[in-house]
């Protein structure tokens, strides 16, 4: 099967959102298992689904690498941290601290510099 560059770029961006959804699911689950046992923290449907989503995003990135240059894919993938930051604020009602804001700013700056 032959993959076009546009398809591979689309796969890379979809992979970012799948990984972001998996990370939000893990963050949501982390808040509910504070007093539970060790195994119940890892052997529940949310955690298994989240890790499945993260594995799927890795698989999709491998497909994207057929046409997306290795110098570009990490820039696309790193935006997942920005999306997790934004969705954490919108969905989980997290209050961003100065370190998180600085981290997102550094990711944006790094992406901008790498594309010069």
N, C-alpha and C. Protein backbone atom coordinates (compact mmCIF):
# COMPACT_ATOMS: atom_id res chain seq x y z
N UNK A 1 0.84 -1.18 0.00
CA UNK A 1 0.00 0.00 0.00
C UNK A 1 0.89 1.24 0.00
N UNK A 2 0.54 2.19 -0.83
CA UNK A 2 1.32 3.42 -0.95
C UNK A 2 0.62 4.55 -0.21
N UNK A 3 1.41 5.28 0.60
CA UNK A 3 0.87 6.38 1.38
C UNK A 3 1.33 7.70 0.78
N UNK A 4 0.39 8.61 0.61
CA UNK A 4 0.74 9.94 0.09
C UNK A 4 1.26 10.81 1.24
N UNK A 5 2.03 11.84 0.92
CA UNK A 5 2.51 12.74 1.99
C UNK A 5 1.36 13.37 2.78
N UNK A 6 0.31 13.80 2.11
CA UNK A 6 -0.83 14.42 2.81
C UNK A 6 -1.47 13.44 3.79
N UNK A 7 -1.60 12.19 3.38
CA UNK A 7 -2.18 11.16 4.25
C UNK A 7 -1.29 10.95 5.48
N UNK A 8 0.02 10.90 5.27
CA UNK A 8 0.95 10.67 6.37
C UNK A 8 0.96 11.84 7.35
N UNK A 9 0.88 13.06 6.85
CA UNK A 9 0.78 14.22 7.74
C UNK A 9 -0.52 14.17 8.53
N UNK A 10 -1.61 13.81 7.86
CA UNK A 10 -2.90 13.69 8.56
C UNK A 10 -2.83 12.62 9.65
N UNK A 11 -2.20 11.50 9.34
CA UNK A 11 -2.04 10.43 10.33
C UNK A 11 -1.24 10.95 11.53
N UNK A 12 -0.21 11.74 11.29
CA UNK A 12 0.62 12.28 12.38
C UNK A 12 -0.21 13.19 13.28
N UNK A 13 -1.04 14.03 12.71
CA UNK A 13 -1.86 14.93 13.52
C UNK A 13 -2.95 14.18 14.27
N UNK A 14 -3.55 13.19 13.64
CA UNK A 14 -4.56 12.37 14.33
C UNK A 14 -3.90 11.61 15.48
N UNK A 15 -2.69 11.13 15.27
CA UNK A 15 -1.96 10.42 16.32
C UNK A 15 -1.73 11.32 17.52
N UNK A 16 -1.46 12.60 17.28
CA UNK A 16 -1.27 13.56 18.38
C UNK A 16 -2.54 13.65 19.21
N UNK A 17 -3.69 13.74 18.57
CA UNK A 17 -4.94 13.87 19.32
C UNK A 17 -5.33 12.58 20.02
N UNK A 18 -4.99 11.44 19.44
CA UNK A 18 -5.25 10.17 20.13
C UNK A 18 -4.36 10.07 21.36
N UNK A 19 -3.09 10.44 21.23
CA UNK A 19 -2.19 10.42 22.39
C UNK A 19 -2.65 11.41 23.45
N UNK A 20 -3.11 12.58 23.03
CA UNK A 20 -3.62 13.57 23.98
C UNK A 20 -4.82 13.04 24.73
N UNK A 21 -5.74 12.40 24.03
CA UNK A 21 -6.92 11.82 24.68
C UNK A 21 -6.50 10.74 25.68
N UNK A 22 -5.52 9.94 25.32
CA UNK A 22 -5.02 8.91 26.24
C UNK A 22 -4.40 9.52 27.48
N UNK A 23 -3.65 10.59 27.32
CA UNK A 23 -3.02 11.24 28.47
C UNK A 23 -4.06 11.91 29.38
N UNK A 24 -5.08 12.51 28.79
CA UNK A 24 -6.16 13.11 29.59
C UNK A 24 -6.90 12.01 30.35
N UNK A 25 -7.13 10.89 29.71
CA UNK A 25 -7.78 9.76 30.38
C UNK A 25 -6.95 9.27 31.56
N UNK A 26 -5.63 9.20 31.39
CA UNK A 26 -4.76 8.79 32.49
C UNK A 26 -4.79 9.81 33.63
N UNK A 27 -4.78 11.09 33.29
CA UNK A 27 -4.83 12.11 34.33
C UNK A 27 -6.15 12.05 35.10
N UNK A 28 -7.23 11.82 34.37
CA UNK A 28 -8.55 11.72 35.01
C UNK A 28 -8.59 10.52 35.94
N UNK A 29 -8.04 9.41 35.51
CA UNK A 29 -8.04 8.20 36.32
C UNK A 29 -7.13 8.34 37.54
N UNK A 30 -6.04 9.08 37.41
CA UNK A 30 -5.10 9.24 38.51
C UNK A 30 -5.76 9.89 39.72
N UNK A 31 -6.72 10.73 39.49
CA UNK A 31 -7.41 11.39 40.59
C UNK A 31 -8.42 10.53 41.30
N UNK A 32 -8.73 9.36 40.74
CA UNK A 32 -9.77 8.51 41.33
C UNK A 32 -9.22 7.29 42.06
N UNK A 33 -7.92 7.04 42.00
CA UNK A 33 -7.37 5.81 42.57
C UNK A 33 -6.41 6.06 43.72
N UNK A 34 -6.58 7.13 44.45
CA UNK A 34 -5.63 7.47 45.51
C UNK A 34 -5.63 6.46 46.66
N UNK A 35 -6.78 5.97 47.05
CA UNK A 35 -6.86 5.08 48.20
C UNK A 35 -7.02 3.61 47.82
N UNK A 36 -6.86 3.29 46.56
CA UNK A 36 -7.05 1.91 46.11
C UNK A 36 -5.72 1.18 46.09
N UNK A 37 -5.77 -0.13 45.95
CA UNK A 37 -4.57 -0.95 45.94
C UNK A 37 -3.75 -0.77 44.68
N UNK A 38 -2.55 -1.34 44.71
CA UNK A 38 -1.59 -1.20 43.62
C UNK A 38 -2.16 -1.72 42.29
N UNK A 39 -2.71 -2.92 42.30
CA UNK A 39 -3.21 -3.50 41.04
C UNK A 39 -4.42 -2.75 40.49
N UNK A 40 -5.28 -2.25 41.37
CA UNK A 40 -6.47 -1.55 40.87
C UNK A 40 -6.11 -0.23 40.21
N UNK A 41 -4.92 0.29 40.50
CA UNK A 41 -4.48 1.52 39.83
C UNK A 41 -4.13 1.27 38.37
N UNK A 42 -3.72 0.05 38.05
CA UNK A 42 -3.25 -0.24 36.70
C UNK A 42 -4.15 -1.19 35.92
N UNK A 43 -4.92 -2.00 36.61
CA UNK A 43 -5.78 -2.97 35.93
C UNK A 43 -7.23 -2.51 35.99
N UNK A 44 -7.51 -1.41 35.32
CA UNK A 44 -8.88 -0.95 35.17
C UNK A 44 -9.07 -0.47 33.74
N UNK A 45 -10.30 -0.32 33.34
CA UNK A 45 -10.61 -0.08 31.93
C UNK A 45 -10.05 1.26 31.43
N UNK A 46 -10.05 2.28 32.26
CA UNK A 46 -9.54 3.58 31.79
C UNK A 46 -8.04 3.53 31.51
N UNK A 47 -7.30 2.93 32.41
CA UNK A 47 -5.85 2.87 32.23
C UNK A 47 -5.50 1.98 31.04
N UNK A 48 -6.15 0.85 30.92
CA UNK A 48 -5.88 -0.05 29.79
C UNK A 48 -6.24 0.63 28.47
N UNK A 49 -7.38 1.32 28.43
CA UNK A 49 -7.78 2.05 27.21
C UNK A 49 -6.80 3.17 26.89
N UNK A 50 -6.35 3.89 27.92
CA UNK A 50 -5.41 4.99 27.69
C UNK A 50 -4.09 4.48 27.13
N UNK A 51 -3.57 3.39 27.70
CA UNK A 51 -2.32 2.85 27.17
C UNK A 51 -2.52 2.27 25.78
N UNK A 52 -3.70 1.74 25.49
CA UNK A 52 -4.01 1.28 24.14
C UNK A 52 -4.00 2.45 23.16
N UNK A 53 -4.53 3.59 23.58
CA UNK A 53 -4.53 4.77 22.72
C UNK A 53 -3.11 5.27 22.48
N UNK A 54 -2.28 5.25 23.52
CA UNK A 54 -0.90 5.68 23.35
C UNK A 54 -0.13 4.74 22.43
N UNK A 55 -0.39 3.44 22.55
CA UNK A 55 0.25 2.47 21.65
C UNK A 55 -0.22 2.71 20.22
N UNK A 56 -1.51 2.95 20.02
CA UNK A 56 -2.04 3.23 18.69
C UNK A 56 -1.39 4.47 18.09
N UNK A 57 -1.17 5.50 18.90
CA UNK A 57 -0.53 6.71 18.38
C UNK A 57 0.91 6.44 17.96
N UNK A 58 1.61 5.58 18.71
CA UNK A 58 2.97 5.20 18.30
C UNK A 58 2.96 4.46 16.97
N UNK A 59 2.01 3.56 16.81
CA UNK A 59 1.86 2.82 15.56
C UNK A 59 1.56 3.77 14.40
N UNK A 60 0.70 4.74 14.64
CA UNK A 60 0.35 5.71 13.60
C UNK A 60 1.56 6.57 13.24
N UNK A 61 2.38 6.91 14.24
CA UNK A 61 3.60 7.68 13.94
C UNK A 61 4.55 6.89 13.06
N UNK A 62 4.60 5.59 13.23
CA UNK A 62 5.45 4.76 12.37
C UNK A 62 4.96 4.81 10.92
N UNK A 63 3.66 4.83 10.74
CA UNK A 63 3.10 4.96 9.39
C UNK A 63 3.42 6.35 8.84
N UNK A 64 3.28 7.38 9.68
CA UNK A 64 3.54 8.75 9.24
C UNK A 64 4.99 8.92 8.79
N UNK A 65 5.90 8.19 9.40
CA UNK A 65 7.32 8.32 9.05
C UNK A 65 7.64 7.88 7.62
N UNK A 66 6.69 7.22 6.96
CA UNK A 66 6.92 6.83 5.57
C UNK A 66 7.10 8.05 4.67
N UNK A 67 6.41 9.16 5.01
CA UNK A 67 6.48 10.37 4.17
C UNK A 67 6.82 11.64 4.94
N UNK A 68 6.60 11.66 6.24
CA UNK A 68 6.90 12.86 7.04
C UNK A 68 8.38 12.79 7.43
N UNK A 69 9.14 13.84 7.15
CA UNK A 69 10.57 13.81 7.49
C UNK A 69 10.79 13.65 9.00
N UNK A 70 11.88 12.99 9.33
CA UNK A 70 12.23 12.76 10.73
C UNK A 70 12.47 14.08 11.46
N UNK A 71 12.84 15.11 10.75
CA UNK A 71 13.04 16.42 11.37
C UNK A 71 11.73 17.13 11.68
N UNK A 72 10.62 16.70 11.08
CA UNK A 72 9.34 17.37 11.26
C UNK A 72 8.44 16.64 12.26
N UNK A 73 8.48 15.32 12.26
CA UNK A 73 7.56 14.55 13.10
C UNK A 73 7.69 14.87 14.59
N UNK A 74 8.89 15.03 15.14
CA UNK A 74 8.96 15.39 16.57
C UNK A 74 8.30 16.74 16.89
N UNK A 75 8.34 17.66 15.95
CA UNK A 75 7.66 18.95 16.15
C UNK A 75 6.15 18.76 16.22
N UNK A 76 5.63 17.90 15.37
CA UNK A 76 4.20 17.60 15.39
C UNK A 76 3.84 16.88 16.68
N UNK A 77 4.63 15.88 17.03
CA UNK A 77 4.37 15.08 18.22
C UNK A 77 4.45 15.91 19.50
N UNK A 78 5.38 16.85 19.56
CA UNK A 78 5.55 17.65 20.78
C UNK A 78 4.35 18.54 21.06
N UNK A 79 3.52 18.79 20.06
CA UNK A 79 2.33 19.61 20.31
C UNK A 79 1.33 18.89 21.21
N UNK A 80 1.49 17.58 21.40
CA UNK A 80 0.57 16.87 22.30
C UNK A 80 0.68 17.43 23.71
N UNK A 81 1.86 17.88 24.14
CA UNK A 81 2.02 18.47 25.47
C UNK A 81 1.21 19.76 25.58
N UNK A 82 1.16 20.51 24.50
CA UNK A 82 0.37 21.75 24.49
C UNK A 82 -1.11 21.42 24.58
N UNK A 83 -1.54 20.42 23.82
CA UNK A 83 -2.95 20.02 23.85
C UNK A 83 -3.35 19.46 25.21
N UNK A 84 -2.47 18.68 25.83
CA UNK A 84 -2.77 18.17 27.18
C UNK A 84 -2.90 19.33 28.15
N UNK A 85 -2.03 20.31 28.03
CA UNK A 85 -2.10 21.51 28.87
C UNK A 85 -3.45 22.21 28.69
N UNK A 86 -3.85 22.44 27.44
CA UNK A 86 -5.11 23.14 27.17
C UNK A 86 -6.33 22.32 27.58
N UNK A 87 -6.33 21.03 27.25
CA UNK A 87 -7.47 20.18 27.62
C UNK A 87 -7.53 19.96 29.13
N UNK A 88 -6.38 19.96 29.79
CA UNK A 88 -6.37 19.87 31.25
C UNK A 88 -7.09 21.06 31.87
N UNK A 89 -6.88 22.23 31.30
CA UNK A 89 -7.56 23.43 31.79
C UNK A 89 -9.05 23.36 31.47
N UNK A 90 -9.39 22.99 30.23
CA UNK A 90 -10.79 23.01 29.80
C UNK A 90 -11.61 21.84 30.33
N UNK A 91 -11.05 20.65 30.33
CA UNK A 91 -11.82 19.45 30.69
C UNK A 91 -11.68 19.12 32.17
N UNK A 92 -10.44 19.13 32.67
CA UNK A 92 -10.19 18.72 34.04
C UNK A 92 -10.22 19.90 35.03
N UNK A 93 -10.40 21.11 34.51
CA UNK A 93 -10.45 22.32 35.34
C UNK A 93 -9.18 22.52 36.16
N UNK A 94 -8.04 22.18 35.57
CA UNK A 94 -6.76 22.39 36.24
C UNK A 94 -6.38 23.86 36.15
N UNK A 95 -5.69 24.32 37.17
CA UNK A 95 -5.18 25.69 37.16
C UNK A 95 -3.69 25.62 36.82
N UNK A 96 -3.30 26.20 35.69
CA UNK A 96 -1.89 26.10 35.28
C UNK A 96 -0.99 26.97 36.17
N UNK A 97 0.11 26.37 36.57
CA UNK A 97 1.09 27.10 37.35
C UNK A 97 2.12 27.72 36.43
N UNK A 98 3.00 28.53 37.00
CA UNK A 98 4.03 29.18 36.18
C UNK A 98 4.96 28.19 35.48
N UNK A 99 5.26 27.07 36.12
CA UNK A 99 6.16 26.09 35.50
C UNK A 99 5.50 25.44 34.28
N UNK A 100 4.21 25.16 34.36
CA UNK A 100 3.51 24.58 33.20
C UNK A 100 3.45 25.57 32.05
N UNK A 101 3.16 26.81 32.37
CA UNK A 101 3.09 27.85 31.34
C UNK A 101 4.46 28.03 30.69
N UNK A 102 5.51 28.05 31.50
CA UNK A 102 6.87 28.16 30.97
C UNK A 102 7.21 26.96 30.09
N UNK A 103 6.80 25.77 30.52
CA UNK A 103 7.06 24.56 29.72
C UNK A 103 6.40 24.62 28.35
N UNK A 104 5.15 25.05 28.31
CA UNK A 104 4.43 25.17 27.03
C UNK A 104 5.09 26.24 26.16
N UNK A 105 5.50 27.34 26.78
CA UNK A 105 6.17 28.40 26.02
C UNK A 105 7.49 27.89 25.43
N UNK A 106 8.23 27.10 26.19
CA UNK A 106 9.49 26.54 25.68
C UNK A 106 9.24 25.56 24.53
N UNK A 107 8.18 24.78 24.62
CA UNK A 107 7.84 23.87 23.52
C UNK A 107 7.52 24.66 22.26
N UNK A 108 6.71 25.70 22.40
CA UNK A 108 6.37 26.54 21.25
C UNK A 108 7.62 27.21 20.67
N UNK A 109 8.47 27.72 21.54
CA UNK A 109 9.71 28.36 21.09
C UNK A 109 10.62 27.35 20.40
N UNK A 110 10.74 26.16 20.97
CA UNK A 110 11.57 25.12 20.35
C UNK A 110 11.06 24.71 18.98
N UNK A 111 9.74 24.58 18.84
CA UNK A 111 9.17 24.26 17.54
C UNK A 111 9.43 25.37 16.53
N UNK A 112 9.28 26.62 16.98
CA UNK A 112 9.52 27.75 16.07
C UNK A 112 10.99 27.80 15.64
N UNK A 113 11.90 27.60 16.58
CA UNK A 113 13.32 27.63 16.24
C UNK A 113 13.70 26.48 15.31
N UNK A 114 13.13 25.32 15.56
CA UNK A 114 13.50 24.16 14.72
C UNK A 114 13.01 24.29 13.29
N UNK A 115 12.04 25.13 13.07
CA UNK A 115 11.50 25.29 11.71
C UNK A 115 12.17 26.42 10.95
N UNK A 116 13.13 27.12 11.56
CA UNK A 116 13.84 28.21 10.86
C UNK A 116 14.79 27.68 9.82
